[in-house]
C-alpha atoms as a PDB file:
ATOM      1  CA  MET A   1      25.413  -5.688   8.079  1.00  0.00           C
ATOM      2  CA  VAL A   2      26.852  -2.288   7.121  1.00  0.00           C
ATOM      3  CA  ARG A   3      27.931  -3.566   3.718  1.00  0.00           C
ATOM      4  CA  TYR A   4      24.520  -5.170   3.219  1.00  0.00           C
ATOM      5  CA  LEU A   5      22.717  -1.914   4.008  1.00  0.00           C
ATOM      6  CA  ALA A   6      25.062   0.021   1.713  1.00  0.00           C
ATOM      7  CA  VAL A   7      24.365  -2.326  -1.202  1.00  0.00           C
ATOM      8  CA  ARG A   8      20.625  -2.194  -0.613  1.00  0.00           C
ATOM      9  CA  SER A   9      20.732   1.598  -0.413  1.00  0.00           C
ATOM     10  CA  VAL A  10      22.407   1.789  -3.817  1.00  0.00           C
ATOM     11  CA  GLN A  11      19.817  -0.596  -5.253  1.00  0.00           C
ATOM     12  CA  ALA A  12      17.011   1.455  -3.722  1.00  0.00           C
ATOM     13  CA  ALA A  13      18.354   4.662  -5.245  1.00  0.00           C
ATOM     14  CA  ALA A  14      18.580   2.986  -8.658  1.00  0.00           C
ATOM     15  CA  ILE A  15      14.980   1.754  -8.425  1.00  0.00           C
ATOM     16  CA  VAL A  16      13.656   5.183  -7.445  1.00  0.00           C
ATOM     17  CA  PHE A  17      15.652   6.783 -10.272  1.00  0.00           C
ATOM     18  CA  LEU A  18      14.228   4.304 -12.777  1.00  0.00           C
ATOM     19  CA  VAL A  19      10.662   4.925 -11.551  1.00  0.00           C
ATOM     20  CA  ALA A  20      11.157   8.688 -11.808  1.00  0.00           C
ATOM     21  CA  THR A  21      12.536   8.395 -15.341  1.00  0.00           C
ATOM     22  CA  LEU A  22       9.827   6.109 -16.682  1.00  0.00           C
ATOM     23  CA  THR A  23       7.025   8.124 -15.091  1.00  0.00           C
ATOM     24  CA  PHE A  24       8.417  11.423 -16.373  1.00  0.00           C
ATOM     25  CA  VAL A  25       8.879  10.184 -19.942  1.00  0.00           C
ATOM     26  CA  LEU A  26       5.524   8.421 -20.216  1.00  0.00           C
ATOM     27  CA  LEU A  27       3.598  11.386 -18.821  1.00  0.00           C
ATOM     28  CA  HIS A  28       5.255  13.875 -21.145  1.00  0.00           C
ATOM     29  CA  LEU A  29       4.649  11.646 -24.155  1.00  0.00           C
ATOM     30  CA  ALA A  30       0.950  11.331 -23.330  1.00  0.00           C
ATOM     31  CA  PRO A  31      -1.480  13.817 -24.903  1.00  0.00           C
ATOM     32  CA  GLY A  32      -2.677  16.787 -22.911  1.00  0.00           C
ATOM     33  CA  ASP A  33      -1.320  20.010 -21.443  1.00  0.00           C
ATOM     34  CA  PRO A  34      -1.119  20.623 -17.670  1.00  0.00           C
ATOM     35  CA  VAL A  35      -1.496  24.378 -18.056  1.00  0.00           C
ATOM     36  CA  ILE A  36      -4.685  24.094 -20.100  1.00  0.00           C
ATOM     37  CA  ALA A  37      -6.058  21.337 -17.830  1.00  0.00           C
ATOM     38  CA  SER A  38      -5.476  23.471 -14.722  1.00  0.00           C
ATOM     39  CA  THR A  39      -7.066  26.555 -16.232  1.00  0.00           C
ATOM     40  CA  GLU A  40     -10.327  27.198 -14.421  1.00  0.00           C
ATOM     41  CA  SER A  41     -11.845  29.256 -17.231  1.00  0.00           C
ATOM     42  CA  THR A  42     -12.100  28.605 -20.948  1.00  0.00           C
ATOM     43  CA  LEU A  43     -11.863  32.352 -21.626  1.00  0.00           C
ATOM     44  CA  VAL A  44      -8.153  32.579 -20.806  1.00  0.00           C
ATOM     45  CA  ARG A  45      -6.285  34.040 -23.741  1.00  0.00           C
ATOM     46  CA  ARG A  46      -3.878  31.852 -25.673  1.00  0.00           C
ATOM     47  CA  GLU A  47      -1.037  34.290 -25.044  1.00  0.00           C
ATOM     48  CA  VAL A  48      -1.452  33.864 -21.290  1.00  0.00           C
ATOM     49  CA  ILE A  49      -1.341  30.077 -21.590  1.00  0.00           C
ATOM     50  CA  GLU A  50       1.794  30.208 -23.746  1.00  0.00           C
ATOM     51  CA  GLN A  51       3.450  32.540 -21.249  1.00  0.00           C
ATOM     52  CA  GLN A  52       2.678  30.129 -18.411  1.00  0.00           C
ATOM     53  CA  ARG A  53       4.153  27.261 -20.422  1.00  0.00           C
ATOM     54  CA  ARG A  54       7.328  29.285 -20.903  1.00  0.00           C
ATOM     55  CA  ASN A  55       7.449  30.162 -17.213  1.00  0.00           C
ATOM     56  CA  PHE A  56       7.375  26.482 -16.240  1.00  0.00           C
ATOM     57  CA  GLY A  57       9.697  25.394 -19.045  1.00  0.00           C
ATOM     58  CA  LEU A  58       7.052  23.237 -20.746  1.00  0.00           C
ATOM     59  CA  ASP A  59       7.918  24.724 -24.137  1.00  0.00           C
ATOM     60  CA  ARG A  60      11.404  23.230 -24.065  1.00  0.00           C
ATOM     61  CA  PRO A  61      12.409  19.816 -25.495  1.00  0.00           C
ATOM     62  CA  ILE A  62      11.641  16.830 -23.300  1.00  0.00           C
ATOM     63  CA  HIS A  63      15.288  16.016 -22.600  1.00  0.00           C
ATOM     64  CA  VAL A  64      15.888  19.563 -21.358  1.00  0.00           C
ATOM     65  CA  GLN A  65      12.833  19.300 -19.079  1.00  0.00           C
ATOM     66  CA  TYR A  66      14.060  15.912 -17.844  1.00  0.00           C
ATOM     67  CA  LEU A  67      17.539  17.171 -16.934  1.00  0.00           C
ATOM     68  CA  ARG A  68      16.023  20.163 -15.200  1.00  0.00           C
ATOM     69  CA  TYR A  69      13.679  17.881 -13.245  1.00  0.00           C
ATOM     70  CA  LEU A  70      16.561  15.653 -12.144  1.00  0.00           C
ATOM     71  CA  ARG A  71      18.527  18.681 -11.017  1.00  0.00           C
ATOM     72  CA  ASN A  72      15.607  19.887  -8.916  1.00  0.00           C
ATOM     73  CA  LEU A  73      14.942  16.362  -7.639  1.00  0.00           C
ATOM     74  CA  SER A  74      18.535  16.043  -6.417  1.00  0.00           C
ATOM     75  CA  ARG A  75      17.809  19.053  -4.162  1.00  0.00           C
ATOM     76  CA  GLY A  76      14.603  17.479  -2.859  1.00  0.00           C
ATOM     77  CA  ASP A  77      12.336  19.627  -5.044  1.00  0.00           C
ATOM     78  CA  LEU A  78       9.441  17.595  -6.500  1.00  0.00           C
ATOM     79  CA  GLY A  79       8.179  20.503  -8.564  1.00  0.00           C
ATOM     80  CA  TYR A  80       5.089  22.697  -8.607  1.00  0.00           C
ATOM     81  CA  SER A  81       1.498  21.481  -8.663  1.00  0.00           C
ATOM     82  CA  PHE A  82      -0.557  23.284 -11.297  1.00  0.00           C
ATOM     83  CA  ARG A  83      -3.878  22.285  -9.734  1.00  0.00           C
ATOM     84  CA  GLU A  84      -2.930  22.900  -6.082  1.00  0.00           C
ATOM     85  CA  ARG A  85      -0.993  26.118  -6.818  1.00  0.00           C
ATOM     86  CA  ARG A  86       1.812  25.084  -4.463  1.00  0.00           C
ATOM     87  CA  SER A  87       4.781  22.738  -4.241  1.00  0.00           C
ATOM     88  CA  VAL A  88       4.138  19.049  -4.784  1.00  0.00           C
ATOM     89  CA  TRP A  89       5.827  18.059  -1.530  1.00  0.00           C
ATOM     90  CA  HIS A  90       3.561  20.270   0.595  1.00  0.00           C
ATOM     91  CA  ALA A  91       0.491  18.913  -1.204  1.00  0.00           C
ATOM     92  CA  VAL A  92       1.535  15.257  -0.888  1.00  0.00           C
ATOM     93  CA  ARG A  93       2.770  15.592   2.683  1.00  0.00           C
ATOM     94  CA  GLU A  94      -0.767  16.257   3.889  1.00  0.00           C
ATOM     95  CA  ARG A  95      -2.004  13.012   2.323  1.00  0.00           C
ATOM     96  CA  ILE A  96       0.818  10.593   3.190  1.00  0.00           C
ATOM     97  CA  PRO A  97      -0.423   9.986   6.794  1.00  0.00           C
ATOM     98  CA  ASN A  98      -3.851   8.930   5.484  1.00  0.00           C
ATOM     99  CA  THR A  99      -2.289   6.467   3.027  1.00  0.00           C
ATOM    100  CA  LEU A 100       0.045   5.041   5.686  1.00  0.00           C
ATOM    101  CA  LEU A 101      -2.870   4.741   8.122  1.00  0.00           C
ATOM    102  CA  LEU A 102      -4.935   2.853   5.548  1.00  0.00           C
ATOM    103  CA  ALA A 103      -2.018   0.564   4.589  1.00  0.00           C
ATOM    104  CA  THR A 104      -1.169  -0.165   8.245  1.00  0.00           C
ATOM    105  CA  ALA A 105      -4.762  -1.009   9.112  1.00  0.00           C
ATOM    106  CA  ALA A 106      -5.005  -3.215   6.022  1.00  0.00           C
ATOM    107  CA  LEU A 107      -1.772  -4.986   7.039  1.00  0.00           C
ATOM    108  CA  LEU A 108      -3.224  -5.737  10.470  1.00  0.00           C
ATOM    109  CA  VAL A 109      -6.361  -7.188   8.901  1.00  0.00           C
ATOM    110  CA  MET A 110      -4.374  -9.097   6.313  1.00  0.00           C
ATOM    111  CA  PHE A 111      -1.856 -10.781   8.594  1.00  0.00           C
ATOM    112  CA  GLY A 112      -3.976 -11.007  11.735  1.00  0.00           C
ATOM    113  CA  LEU A 113      -7.001 -12.560  10.076  1.00  0.00           C
ATOM    114  CA  GLY A 114      -4.976 -14.483   7.480  1.00  0.00           C
ATOM    115  CA  MET A 115      -2.636 -16.116   9.991  1.00  0.00           C
ATOM    116  CA  LEU A 116      -5.577 -17.021  12.239  1.00  0.00           C
ATOM    117  CA  ILE A 117      -7.495 -18.689   9.397  1.00  0.00           C
ATOM    118  CA  GLY A 118      -4.376 -20.482   8.146  1.00  0.00           C
ATOM    119  CA  ALA A 119      -3.536 -21.780  11.630  1.00  0.00           C
ATOM    120  CA  VAL A 120      -7.105 -23.035  12.135  1.00  0.00           C
ATOM    121  CA  GLN A 121      -6.976 -24.839   8.789  1.00  0.00           C
ATOM    122  CA  ALA A 122      -3.627 -26.427   9.626  1.00  0.00           C
ATOM    123  CA  ALA A 123      -4.956 -27.588  13.009  1.00  0.00           C
ATOM    124  CA  VAL A 124      -7.769 -29.578  11.332  1.00  0.00           C
ATOM    125  CA  PRO A 125      -6.427 -30.495   7.877  1.00  0.00           C
ATOM    126  CA  ARG A 126      -8.745 -32.160   5.331  1.00  0.00           C
ATOM    127  CA  SER A 127     -11.771 -31.565   7.541  1.00  0.00           C
ATOM    128  CA  ARG A 128     -15.023 -29.891   6.589  1.00  0.00           C
ATOM    129  CA  ALA A 129     -13.897 -26.693   8.282  1.00  0.00           C
ATOM    130  CA  ASP A 130     -10.644 -26.768   6.321  1.00  0.00           C
ATOM    131  CA  ASP A 131     -12.475 -27.301   3.029  1.00  0.00           C
ATOM    132  CA  ALA A 132     -14.991 -24.552   3.763  1.00  0.00           C
ATOM    133  CA  LEU A 133     -12.300 -22.043   4.688  1.00  0.00           C
ATOM    134  CA  SER A 134     -10.278 -22.976   1.596  1.00  0.00           C
ATOM    135  CA  ILE A 135     -13.270 -22.308  -0.647  1.00  0.00           C
ATOM    136  CA  LEU A 136     -13.995 -19.035   1.163  1.00  0.00           C
ATOM    137  CA  THR A 137     -10.419 -17.728   0.903  1.00  0.00           C
ATOM    138  CA  LEU A 138     -10.204 -18.697  -2.764  1.00  0.00           C
ATOM    139  CA  ALA A 139     -13.478 -16.877  -3.471  1.00  0.00           C
ATOM    140  CA  VAL A 140     -12.323 -13.717  -1.681  1.00  0.00           C
ATOM    141  CA  TYR A 141      -8.943 -13.826  -3.425  1.00  0.00           C
ATOM    142  CA  SER A 142     -10.690 -14.036  -6.808  1.00  0.00           C
ATOM    143  CA  MET A 143     -12.701 -10.851  -6.210  1.00  0.00           C
ATOM    144  CA  PRO A 144     -11.465  -7.563  -7.718  1.00  0.00           C
ATOM    145  CA  VAL A 145     -10.640  -5.273  -4.826  1.00  0.00           C
ATOM    146  CA  PHE A 146     -12.703  -2.353  -6.157  1.00  0.00           C
ATOM    147  CA  TRP A 147     -15.761  -4.626  -6.632  1.00  0.00           C
ATOM    148  CA  LEU A 148     -15.403  -5.976  -3.101  1.00  0.00           C
ATOM    149  CA  GLY A 149     -15.218  -2.405  -1.832  1.00  0.00           C
ATOM    150  CA  LEU A 150     -18.387  -1.452  -3.670  1.00  0.00           C
ATOM    151  CA  MET A 151     -20.244  -4.485  -2.295  1.00  0.00           C
ATOM    152  CA  LEU A 152     -19.163  -3.756   1.280  1.00  0.00           C
ATOM    153  CA  MET A 153     -20.173  -0.143   0.775  1.00  0.00           C
ATOM    154  CA  LEU A 154     -23.628  -1.140  -0.496  1.00  0.00           C
ATOM    155  CA  VAL A 155     -24.257  -3.652   2.303  1.00  0.00           C
ATOM    156  CA  PHE A 156     -22.702  -2.070   5.414  1.00  0.00           C
ATOM    157  CA  GLY A 157     -22.760   1.564   4.342  1.00  0.00           C
ATOM    158  CA  LEU A 158     -25.863   2.258   2.302  1.00  0.00           C
ATOM    159  CA  GLY A 159     -27.907  -0.816   3.270  1.00  0.00           C
ATOM    160  CA  LEU A 160     -27.368  -1.231   7.008  1.00  0.00           C
ATOM    161  CA  GLY A 161     -25.971   2.246   7.619  1.00  0.00           C
ATOM    162  CA  TRP A 162     -23.347   0.970  10.062  1.00  0.00           C
ATOM    163  CA  PHE A 163     -20.371   2.785   8.544  1.00  0.00           C
ATOM    164  CA  PRO A 164     -19.857   5.950   6.471  1.00  0.00           C
ATOM    165  CA  VAL A 165     -19.137   5.381   2.787  1.00  0.00           C
ATOM    166  CA  GLY A 166     -16.686   8.173   2.072  1.00  0.00           C
ATOM    167  CA  GLY A 167     -14.050  10.488   3.486  1.00  0.00           C
ATOM    168  CA  ALA A 168     -11.678  10.129   6.430  1.00  0.00           C
ATOM    169  CA  VAL A 169     -13.703  12.108   8.999  1.00  0.00           C
ATOM    170  CA  ASP A 170     -17.053  13.839   9.410  1.00  0.00           C
ATOM    171  CA  GLN A 171     -16.239  17.260   7.993  1.00  0.00           C
ATOM    172  CA  VAL A 172     -18.998  18.985  10.001  1.00  0.00           C
ATOM    173  CA  LEU A 173     -18.759  17.378  13.448  1.00  0.00           C
ATOM    174  CA  TYR A 174     -15.068  16.377  13.611  1.00  0.00           C
ATOM    175  CA  PRO A 175     -13.659  19.805  14.620  1.00  0.00           C
ATOM    176  CA  HIS A 176     -16.071  19.958  17.582  1.00  0.00           C
ATOM    177  CA  MET A 177     -15.446  16.426  18.918  1.00  0.00           C
ATOM    178  CA  SER A 178     -13.365  15.427  21.910  1.00  0.00           C
ATOM    179  CA  LEU A 179     -10.112  13.517  21.425  1.00  0.00           C
ATOM    180  CA  LEU A 180     -11.830  10.181  21.999  1.00  0.00           C
ATOM    181  CA  GLY A 181     -14.627  11.182  19.657  1.00  0.00           C
ATOM    182  CA  LYS A 182     -12.155  12.124  16.926  1.00  0.00           C
ATOM    183  CA  VAL A 183     -10.406   8.758  17.253  1.00  0.00           C
ATOM    184  CA  GLY A 184     -13.721   6.922  17.038  1.00  0.00           C
ATOM    185  CA  ASP A 185     -14.888   8.978  14.060  1.00  0.00           C
ATOM    186  CA  ARG A 186     -11.686   8.278  12.147  1.00  0.00           C
ATOM    187  CA  ALA A 187     -11.905   4.583  13.067  1.00  0.00           C
ATOM    188  CA  VAL A 188     -15.430   4.129  11.686  1.00  0.00           C
ATOM    189  CA  HIS A 189     -14.438   5.921   8.479  1.00  0.00           C
ATOM    190  CA  LEU A 190     -11.336   3.719   8.213  1.00  0.00           C
ATOM    191  CA  PHE A 191     -13.117   0.408   8.810  1.00  0.00           C
ATOM    192  CA  LEU A 192     -14.566  -0.311   5.362  1.00  0.00           C
ATOM    193  CA  PRO A 193     -11.525   0.802   3.285  1.00  0.00           C
ATOM    194  CA  ALA A 194      -9.107  -1.117   5.522  1.00  0.00           C
ATOM    195  CA  LEU A 195     -11.333  -4.201   5.589  1.00  0.00           C
ATOM    196  CA  THR A 196     -11.651  -4.177   1.799  1.00  0.00           C
ATOM    197  CA  LEU A 197      -7.932  -3.820   1.239  1.00  0.00           C
ATOM    198  CA  GLY A 198      -7.043  -6.337   3.941  1.00  0.00           C
ATOM    199  CA  LEU A 199      -9.527  -9.107   3.102  1.00  0.00           C
ATOM    200  CA  VAL A 200      -7.998  -9.989  -0.261  1.00  0.00           C
ATOM    201  CA  GLY A 201      -4.546 -10.099   1.300  1.00  0.00           C
ATOM    202  CA  ALA A 202      -5.847 -12.135   4.233  1.00  0.00           C
ATOM    203  CA  ALA A 203      -7.035 -14.816   1.808  1.00  0.00           C
ATOM    204  CA  VAL A 204      -3.508 -15.084   0.370  1.00  0.00           C
ATOM    205  CA  THR A 205      -1.901 -15.051   3.826  1.00  0.00           C
ATOM    206  CA  ALA A 206      -4.220 -17.834   5.023  1.00  0.00           C
ATOM    207  CA  ARG A 207      -3.172 -20.130   2.168  1.00  0.00           C
ATOM    208  CA  TYR A 208       0.519 -19.396   2.787  1.00  0.00           C
ATOM    209  CA  GLN A 209       0.122 -19.939   6.529  1.00  0.00           C
ATOM    210  CA  ARG A 210      -1.727 -23.233   6.077  1.00  0.00           C
ATOM    211  CA  ALA A 211       0.903 -24.615   3.700  1.00  0.00           C
ATOM    212  CA  ALA A 212       3.769 -23.472   5.936  1.00  0.00           C
ATOM    213  CA  MET A 213       2.170 -24.951   9.055  1.00  0.00           C
ATOM    214  CA  LEU A 214       1.504 -28.311   7.410  1.00  0.00           C
ATOM    215  CA  ASP A 215       5.096 -28.410   6.192  1.00  0.00           C
ATOM    216  CA  VAL A 216       6.533 -27.605   9.631  1.00  0.00           C
ATOM    217  CA  ILE A 217       4.295 -30.087  11.457  1.00  0.00           C
ATOM    218  CA  ARG A 218       5.929 -32.934   9.512  1.00  0.00           C
ATOM    219  CA  GLN A 219       9.455 -31.921  10.603  1.00  0.00           C
ATOM    220  CA  ASP A 220      11.541 -34.016  13.000  1.00  0.00           C
ATOM    221  CA  PHE A 221      11.791 -31.349  15.715  1.00  0.00           C
ATOM    222  CA  VAL A 222       7.984 -31.275  16.016  1.00  0.00           C
ATOM    223  CA  ARG A 223       7.846 -35.044  16.440  1.00  0.00           C
ATOM    224  CA  THR A 224      10.625 -34.723  19.038  1.00  0.00           C
ATOM    225  CA  ALA A 225       8.627 -32.111  20.946  1.00  0.00           C
ATOM    226  CA  ARG A 226       5.640 -34.457  20.994  1.00  0.00           C
ATOM    227  CA  ALA A 227       7.855 -37.344  22.143  1.00  0.00           C
ATOM    228  CA  LYS A 228       9.035 -35.236  25.098  1.00  0.00           C
ATOM    229  CA  GLY A 229       5.461 -35.148  26.334  1.00  0.00           C
ATOM    230  CA  LEU A 230       4.614 -31.540  25.484  1.00  0.00           C
ATOM    231  CA  SER A 231       0.957 -30.741  25.042  1.00  0.00           C
ATOM    232  CA  GLU A 232      -0.398 -30.447  21.516  1.00  0.00           C
ATOM    233  CA  ARG A 233      -1.187 -26.793  22.129  1.00  0.00           C
ATOM    234  CA  THR A 234       2.408 -26.044  23.152  1.00  0.00           C
ATOM    235  CA  VAL A 235       3.772 -27.951  20.174  1.00  0.00           C
ATOM    236  CA  PHE A 236       1.444 -26.148  17.810  1.00  0.00           C
ATOM    237  CA  LEU A 237       1.942 -22.604  19.108  1.00  0.00           C
ATOM    238  CA  LYS A 238       5.530 -22.588  20.349  1.00  0.00           C
ATOM    239  CA  HIS A 239       7.240 -24.855  17.840  1.00  0.00           C
ATOM    240  CA  ALA A 240       5.160 -25.178  14.679  1.00  0.00           C
ATOM    241  CA  LEU A 241       3.667 -21.692  14.439  1.00  0.00           C
ATOM    242  CA  ARG A 242       6.907 -19.895  15.246  1.00  0.00           C
ATOM    243  CA  ASN A 243       8.864 -21.723  12.562  1.00  0.00           C
ATOM    244  CA  ALA A 244       6.063 -21.251  10.043  1.00  0.00           C
ATOM    245  CA  LEU A 245       6.459 -17.467  10.176  1.00  0.00           C
ATOM    246  CA  LEU A 246       9.357 -17.359   7.694  1.00  0.00           C
ATOM    247  CA  PRO A 247       7.174 -17.500   4.559  1.00  0.00           C
ATOM    248  CA  ILE A 248       4.898 -14.856   6.097  1.00  0.00           C
ATOM    249  CA  VAL A 249       7.847 -12.480   6.528  1.00  0.00           C
ATOM    250  CA  THR A 250       8.700 -13.013   2.870  1.00  0.00           C
ATOM    251  CA  LEU A 251       5.071 -12.395   1.977  1.00  0.00           C
ATOM    252  CA  PHE A 252       5.221  -9.048   3.786  1.00  0.00           C
ATOM    253  CA  GLY A 253       7.888  -7.803   1.392  1.00  0.00           C
ATOM    254  CA  LEU A 254       5.808  -8.888  -1.601  1.00  0.00           C
ATOM    255  CA  THR A 255       2.541  -7.540  -0.231  1.00  0.00           C
ATOM    256  CA  PHE A 256       3.521  -3.983   0.635  1.00  0.00           C
ATOM    257  CA  PRO A 257       3.713  -2.861  -3.029  1.00  0.00           C
ATOM    258  CA  LEU A 258       0.338  -4.502  -3.681  1.00  0.00           C
ATOM    259  CA  LEU A 259      -1.182  -2.628  -0.751  1.00  0.00           C
ATOM    260  CA  LEU A 260      -0.023   0.700  -2.146  1.00  0.00           C
ATOM    261  CA  SER A 261      -1.320  -0.112  -5.623  1.00  0.00           C
ATOM    262  CA  GLY A 262      -4.590  -1.385  -4.187  1.00  0.00           C
ATOM    263  CA  ALA A 263      -4.870   1.742  -2.058  1.00  0.00           C
ATOM    264  CA  VAL A 264      -5.155   3.793  -5.248  1.00  0.00           C
ATOM    265  CA  LEU A 265      -8.405   1.992  -6.146  1.00  0.00           C
ATOM    266  CA  ILE A 266      -9.727   1.864  -2.598  1.00  0.00           C
ATOM    267  CA  GLU A 267      -9.051   5.548  -1.968  1.00  0.00           C
ATOM    268  CA  SER A 268     -10.938   6.378  -5.152  1.00  0.00           C
ATOM    269  CA  VAL A 269     -13.895   4.122  -4.264  1.00  0.00           C
ATOM    270  CA  PHE A 270     -14.246   5.408  -0.690  1.00  0.00           C
ATOM    271  CA  ALA A 271     -13.085   8.994  -1.413  1.00  0.00           C
ATOM    272  CA  TRP A 272     -10.288   8.460   1.106  1.00  0.00           C
ATOM    273  CA  PRO A 273      -8.061  11.571   1.016  1.00  0.00           C
ATOM    274  CA  GLY A 274      -4.781   9.767   0.545  1.00  0.00           C
ATOM    275  CA  MET A 275      -1.864   9.840  -1.823  1.00  0.00           C
ATOM    276  CA  GLY A 276      -3.441   7.373  -4.272  1.00  0.00           C
ATOM    277  CA  LYS A 277      -6.613   9.390  -4.836  1.00  0.00           C
ATOM    278  CA  PHE A 278      -4.525  12.537  -5.129  1.00  0.00           C
ATOM    279  CA  ALA A 279      -2.427  10.894  -7.868  1.00  0.00           C
ATOM    280  CA  VAL A 280      -5.523   9.740  -9.767  1.00  0.00           C
ATOM    281  CA  ASP A 281      -7.042  13.224  -9.657  1.00  0.00           C
ATOM    282  CA  ALA A 282      -3.725  14.703 -10.763  1.00  0.00           C
ATOM    283  CA  LEU A 283      -3.528  12.227 -13.649  1.00  0.00           C
ATOM    284  CA  HIS A 284      -6.945  13.306 -14.873  1.00  0.00           C
ATOM    285  CA  GLY A 285      -5.833  16.930 -14.616  1.00  0.00           C
ATOM    286  CA  ARG A 286      -2.499  16.313 -16.380  1.00  0.00           C
ATOM    287  CA  ASP A 287      -0.631  17.553 -13.316  1.00  0.00           C
ATOM    288  CA  TYR A 288       2.689  15.982 -14.322  1.00  0.00           C
ATOM    289  CA  ASN A 289       4.715  16.927 -11.270  1.00  0.00           C
ATOM    290  CA  VAL A 290       2.160  15.531  -8.812  1.00  0.00           C
ATOM    291  CA  VAL A 291       1.930  12.177 -10.606  1.00  0.00           C
ATOM    292  CA  THR A 292       5.710  11.881 -10.866  1.00  0.00           C
ATOM    293  CA  GLY A 293       6.200  12.983  -7.260  1.00  0.00           C
ATOM    294  CA  THR A 294       3.667  10.511  -5.867  1.00  0.00           C
ATOM    295  CA  ALA A 295       5.233   7.733  -7.962  1.00  0.00           C
ATOM    296  CA  ILE A 296       8.663   8.544  -6.535  1.00  0.00           C
ATOM    297  CA  ILE A 297       7.382   8.634  -2.950  1.00  0.00           C
ATOM    298  CA  ALA A 298       5.459   5.371  -3.455  1.00  0.00           C
ATOM    299  CA  ALA A 299       8.584   3.734  -4.917  1.00  0.00           C
ATOM    300  CA  ALA A 300      10.607   4.868  -1.906  1.00  0.00           C
ATOM    301  CA  MET A 301       7.965   3.474   0.453  1.00  0.00           C
ATOM    302  CA  VAL A 302       7.959   0.150  -1.402  1.00  0.00           C
ATOM    303  CA  VAL A 303      11.754  -0.064  -1.264  1.00  0.00           C
ATOM    304  CA  LEU A 304      11.737   0.663   2.468  1.00  0.00           C
ATOM    305  CA  GLY A 305       9.042  -1.960   2.990  1.00  0.00           C
ATOM    306  CA  ASN A 306      11.088  -4.600   1.177  1.00  0.00           C
ATOM    307  CA  LEU A 307      14.210  -3.632   3.110  1.00  0.00           C
ATOM    308  CA  LEU A 308      12.280  -3.969   6.377  1.00  0.00           C
ATOM    309  CA  ALA A 309      11.075  -7.416   5.300  1.00  0.00           C
ATOM    310  CA  ASP A 310      14.643  -8.493   4.534  1.00  0.00           C
ATOM    311  CA  LEU A 311      15.857  -7.273   7.914  1.00  0.00           C
ATOM    312  CA  LEU A 312      13.001  -9.079   9.683  1.00  0.00           C
ATOM    313  CA  TYR A 313      13.866 -12.241   7.790  1.00  0.00           C
ATOM    314  CA  ARG A 314      17.464 -12.008   8.995  1.00  0.00           C
ATOM    315  CA  VAL A 315      16.209 -11.603  12.562  1.00  0.00           C
ATOM    316  CA  VAL A 316      13.745 -14.510  12.393  1.00  0.00           C
ATOM    317  CA  ASP A 317      16.057 -16.901  10.507  1.00  0.00           C
ATOM    318  CA  PRO A 318      19.662 -16.893  11.847  1.00  0.00           C
ATOM    319  CA  ARG A 319      20.799 -19.023   8.882  1.00  0.00           C
ATOM    320  CA  THR A 320      20.557 -15.969   6.598  1.00  0.00           C
ATOM    321  CA  ARG A 321      23.010 -14.117   8.815  1.00  0.00           C
ATOM    322  CA  GLU A 322      25.411 -17.048   8.842  1.00  0.00           C
ATOM    323  CA  SER A 323      25.301 -17.483   5.062  1.00  0.00           C
ATOM    324  CA  SER A 324      26.036 -13.799   4.462  1.00  0.00           C
END
């Protein structure tokens, strides 16, 4: 296990390094100037702008800027945000909890609802209910996540008025609420973004769960459990469902990066103050260090998510431990 973790740690560091390099190079090759983009007034003299570029080292060749960035990154310094007027880490740190909250809630919707639908389909295969749920999950999976978010916003936010359509909390009332009121306010603001991000994933999970359940039900140990006189409910839940979780664990490792990338769109649609929206705003403002820093942090989160999925797989399936 120690050797396995050491190898994965080296691979994770290489992936993060590659993400940092590609993001840095592509941003600096793109047109635009972060100093000019962050200038609040168009009356700033050219000499002042050039002096600021020299202060931040933006007048130097790209390879010199890259080596300097790597040196700072090795010390944990993500750079300075031109738009926020402070370090990138302090600016991003305030938004990471919101992104993790959104991703966690979306994961619960995705796997909870998806596994339930898949199990129901596997319990009544080739029935009308199975066909209807298959069509429904395929339709949801085919929807662009930002379009689905807009439709849910129009129906449940603007049309019915059940949920707010933007932000993480009520900026006016939240500071004066009780603890329970604050939790409820954040929950109603979280509902639509998490539902949007989780529904598309739930459609995929349902199809995986259905296929895995139907494959397990045909196995010899399931027929043996039935022959022992166990009830169909016990056979289905204790034997079939438990052994059908292996593909779902694998799906978790593949889904976590998609959740983070989808969160960028969802945070922009619902004005959710997370890391994705912050990166999009920084990209529009040519704030190089913020975009690179958020890309590095997102890459680290994706690597940790995949590592967690691998460890869960080794726990669920003892054969992986024996083979290694």
